[in-house]
N, C-alpha and C. Protein backbone atom coordinates (compact mmCIF):
# COMPACT_ATOMS: atom_id res chain seq x y z
N UNK A 1 105.90 144.14 -18.23
CA UNK A 1 105.62 144.86 -19.37
C UNK A 1 105.84 144.02 -20.66
N UNK A 2 106.91 143.17 -20.64
CA UNK A 2 107.16 142.29 -21.74
C UNK A 2 106.10 141.28 -21.92
N UNK A 3 105.54 140.77 -20.89
CA UNK A 3 104.47 139.74 -20.95
C UNK A 3 103.20 140.41 -21.59
N UNK A 4 102.94 141.58 -21.14
CA UNK A 4 101.76 142.33 -21.69
C UNK A 4 101.91 142.55 -23.22
N UNK A 5 103.12 142.88 -23.69
CA UNK A 5 103.43 143.06 -25.06
C UNK A 5 103.24 141.77 -25.79
N UNK A 6 103.65 140.66 -25.24
CA UNK A 6 103.52 139.41 -25.92
C UNK A 6 102.03 138.99 -26.00
N UNK A 7 101.25 139.32 -25.01
CA UNK A 7 99.81 139.00 -25.04
C UNK A 7 99.18 139.84 -26.21
N UNK A 8 99.53 141.04 -26.39
CA UNK A 8 99.08 141.94 -27.48
C UNK A 8 99.55 141.34 -28.82
N UNK A 9 100.74 140.93 -28.80
CA UNK A 9 101.35 140.42 -30.15
C UNK A 9 100.57 139.16 -30.58
N UNK A 10 100.11 138.40 -29.64
CA UNK A 10 99.36 137.15 -30.09
C UNK A 10 98.10 137.51 -30.77
N UNK A 11 97.58 138.73 -30.61
CA UNK A 11 96.34 139.08 -31.27
C UNK A 11 96.60 139.36 -32.77
N UNK A 12 97.87 139.68 -33.11
CA UNK A 12 98.22 139.98 -34.50
C UNK A 12 99.11 139.01 -35.22
N UNK A 13 99.69 138.11 -34.49
CA UNK A 13 100.63 137.13 -35.12
C UNK A 13 100.17 135.66 -34.67
N UNK A 14 100.49 134.78 -35.49
CA UNK A 14 100.11 133.33 -35.22
C UNK A 14 101.46 132.58 -35.05
N UNK A 15 101.55 131.84 -34.11
CA UNK A 15 102.71 130.94 -33.91
C UNK A 15 103.02 130.62 -32.42
N UNK A 16 103.41 129.46 -32.22
CA UNK A 16 103.72 129.00 -30.88
C UNK A 16 104.96 129.70 -30.32
N UNK A 17 105.78 130.25 -31.15
CA UNK A 17 107.00 130.91 -30.67
C UNK A 17 106.64 131.96 -29.62
N UNK A 18 105.61 132.75 -29.91
CA UNK A 18 105.25 133.84 -29.01
C UNK A 18 104.72 133.19 -27.62
N UNK A 19 104.09 132.04 -27.77
CA UNK A 19 103.61 131.47 -26.57
C UNK A 19 104.73 131.00 -25.62
N UNK A 20 105.78 130.46 -26.25
CA UNK A 20 106.96 130.06 -25.48
C UNK A 20 107.71 131.31 -24.95
N UNK A 21 107.72 132.36 -25.67
CA UNK A 21 108.31 133.64 -25.12
C UNK A 21 107.38 134.14 -23.96
N UNK A 22 106.17 133.99 -24.02
CA UNK A 22 105.30 134.40 -22.94
C UNK A 22 105.61 133.58 -21.70
N UNK A 23 105.77 132.34 -21.85
CA UNK A 23 106.10 131.40 -20.72
C UNK A 23 107.36 131.87 -20.07
N UNK A 24 108.37 132.14 -20.82
CA UNK A 24 109.69 132.64 -20.32
C UNK A 24 109.50 133.91 -19.60
N UNK A 25 108.72 134.78 -20.12
CA UNK A 25 108.41 136.06 -19.47
C UNK A 25 107.71 135.89 -18.17
N UNK A 26 106.71 134.99 -18.15
CA UNK A 26 105.95 134.77 -16.91
C UNK A 26 106.79 134.14 -15.83
N UNK A 27 107.71 133.23 -16.20
CA UNK A 27 108.65 132.72 -15.17
C UNK A 27 109.55 133.80 -14.61
N UNK A 28 110.00 134.66 -15.59
CA UNK A 28 110.91 135.81 -15.17
C UNK A 28 110.15 136.77 -14.24
N UNK A 29 108.85 136.94 -14.45
CA UNK A 29 108.00 137.82 -13.59
C UNK A 29 107.49 137.14 -12.33
N UNK A 30 107.95 135.85 -12.15
CA UNK A 30 107.61 135.12 -10.96
C UNK A 30 106.12 134.77 -10.93
N UNK A 31 105.52 134.61 -12.07
CA UNK A 31 104.13 134.13 -12.18
C UNK A 31 104.10 132.68 -12.59
N UNK A 32 104.60 131.86 -11.70
CA UNK A 32 104.82 130.50 -11.89
C UNK A 32 103.67 129.65 -12.39
N UNK A 33 102.54 129.74 -11.64
CA UNK A 33 101.40 128.96 -12.02
C UNK A 33 100.88 129.27 -13.42
N UNK A 34 100.79 130.55 -13.73
CA UNK A 34 100.39 131.02 -15.04
C UNK A 34 101.37 130.57 -16.11
N UNK A 35 102.67 130.62 -15.85
CA UNK A 35 103.74 130.16 -16.79
C UNK A 35 103.55 128.66 -17.05
N UNK A 36 103.24 127.87 -15.98
CA UNK A 36 103.13 126.46 -16.23
C UNK A 36 101.90 126.07 -16.95
N UNK A 37 100.79 126.87 -16.79
CA UNK A 37 99.59 126.65 -17.53
C UNK A 37 99.90 126.93 -19.05
N UNK A 38 100.56 128.04 -19.36
CA UNK A 38 100.75 128.33 -20.75
C UNK A 38 101.88 127.42 -21.34
N UNK A 39 102.78 126.94 -20.49
CA UNK A 39 103.72 125.93 -21.00
C UNK A 39 102.99 124.66 -21.49
N UNK A 40 102.02 124.24 -20.73
CA UNK A 40 101.20 123.08 -21.14
C UNK A 40 100.48 123.34 -22.43
N UNK A 41 99.97 124.61 -22.67
CA UNK A 41 99.29 124.91 -23.85
C UNK A 41 100.36 124.87 -25.04
N UNK A 42 101.51 125.47 -24.76
CA UNK A 42 102.51 125.51 -25.89
C UNK A 42 103.00 124.09 -26.25
N UNK A 43 103.23 123.25 -25.25
CA UNK A 43 103.65 121.89 -25.49
C UNK A 43 102.62 121.09 -26.24
N UNK A 44 101.38 121.32 -25.93
CA UNK A 44 100.28 120.65 -26.71
C UNK A 44 100.19 121.09 -28.08
N UNK A 45 100.42 122.32 -28.32
CA UNK A 45 100.39 122.93 -29.66
C UNK A 45 101.63 122.51 -30.57
N UNK A 46 102.82 122.54 -29.98
CA UNK A 46 104.05 122.13 -30.74
C UNK A 46 105.06 121.69 -29.80
N UNK A 47 105.14 120.55 -29.46
CA UNK A 47 106.14 119.92 -28.53
C UNK A 47 107.51 120.21 -29.03
N UNK A 48 107.81 119.97 -30.28
CA UNK A 48 109.19 120.09 -30.81
C UNK A 48 109.81 121.48 -30.62
N UNK A 49 108.95 122.46 -30.45
CA UNK A 49 109.47 123.84 -30.31
C UNK A 49 109.90 124.12 -28.88
N UNK A 50 109.75 123.23 -27.94
CA UNK A 50 110.08 123.46 -26.62
C UNK A 50 111.49 123.85 -26.31
N UNK A 51 112.39 123.46 -27.07
CA UNK A 51 113.81 123.79 -26.95
C UNK A 51 114.05 125.32 -26.98
N UNK A 52 113.17 126.00 -27.69
CA UNK A 52 113.26 127.45 -27.82
C UNK A 52 113.09 128.11 -26.40
N UNK A 53 112.31 127.44 -25.52
CA UNK A 53 112.11 127.90 -24.20
C UNK A 53 113.45 127.94 -23.43
N UNK A 54 114.26 126.85 -23.66
CA UNK A 54 115.53 126.77 -22.98
C UNK A 54 116.59 127.78 -23.55
N UNK A 55 116.36 128.14 -24.81
CA UNK A 55 117.23 129.12 -25.46
C UNK A 55 116.93 130.50 -24.75
N UNK A 56 115.68 130.70 -24.49
CA UNK A 56 115.27 131.97 -23.91
C UNK A 56 115.59 132.05 -22.37
N UNK A 57 115.48 130.93 -21.76
CA UNK A 57 115.66 130.85 -20.29
C UNK A 57 116.32 129.55 -19.91
N UNK A 58 117.65 129.49 -20.03
CA UNK A 58 118.29 128.15 -19.86
C UNK A 58 118.12 127.50 -18.47
N UNK A 59 117.90 128.35 -17.46
CA UNK A 59 117.72 127.75 -16.14
C UNK A 59 116.41 126.98 -15.98
N UNK A 60 115.45 127.15 -16.89
CA UNK A 60 114.15 126.35 -16.92
C UNK A 60 114.43 124.93 -17.20
N UNK A 61 115.51 124.61 -17.93
CA UNK A 61 115.85 123.23 -18.27
C UNK A 61 115.97 122.31 -16.99
N UNK A 62 116.31 122.96 -15.86
CA UNK A 62 116.48 122.23 -14.68
C UNK A 62 115.37 122.36 -13.62
N UNK A 63 114.35 123.04 -14.04
CA UNK A 63 113.15 123.30 -13.10
C UNK A 63 112.36 121.98 -13.09
N UNK A 64 112.12 121.45 -11.92
CA UNK A 64 111.41 120.17 -11.80
C UNK A 64 110.06 120.15 -12.43
N UNK A 65 109.24 121.28 -12.22
CA UNK A 65 107.88 121.31 -12.86
C UNK A 65 107.90 121.33 -14.27
N UNK A 66 108.88 122.11 -14.87
CA UNK A 66 109.01 122.11 -16.37
C UNK A 66 109.42 120.80 -16.90
N UNK A 67 110.36 120.08 -16.20
CA UNK A 67 110.76 118.76 -16.66
C UNK A 67 109.58 117.81 -16.67
N UNK A 68 108.75 117.89 -15.60
CA UNK A 68 107.65 116.99 -15.46
C UNK A 68 106.59 117.31 -16.70
N UNK A 69 106.31 118.57 -16.95
CA UNK A 69 105.43 118.88 -18.01
C UNK A 69 105.99 118.41 -19.35
N UNK A 70 107.21 118.63 -19.58
CA UNK A 70 107.84 118.19 -20.87
C UNK A 70 107.77 116.69 -20.95
N UNK A 71 108.05 115.98 -19.95
CA UNK A 71 107.95 114.50 -20.05
C UNK A 71 106.54 114.01 -20.29
N UNK A 72 105.54 114.74 -19.82
CA UNK A 72 104.16 114.38 -20.03
C UNK A 72 103.82 114.51 -21.55
N UNK A 73 104.28 115.53 -22.14
CA UNK A 73 103.95 115.74 -23.56
C UNK A 73 104.92 115.04 -24.55
N UNK A 74 106.02 114.54 -24.03
CA UNK A 74 106.97 113.90 -24.86
C UNK A 74 106.41 112.81 -25.64
């Protein structure tokens, strides 16, 4: 439900913050492939904001696939 709300919010608001929130929600909903796709989009749009993802979901800091994506965009 939270992910659907974030998708709707992106229609009315601009900012990568919502995209990082969406990524955290997708990981929480166990939609890993979709989460990784949108993480790549978020990192490409604003890499420096990626720390917000770890504030929202600290365990993702240790996720191997997340680490790989972050290192690619670094």
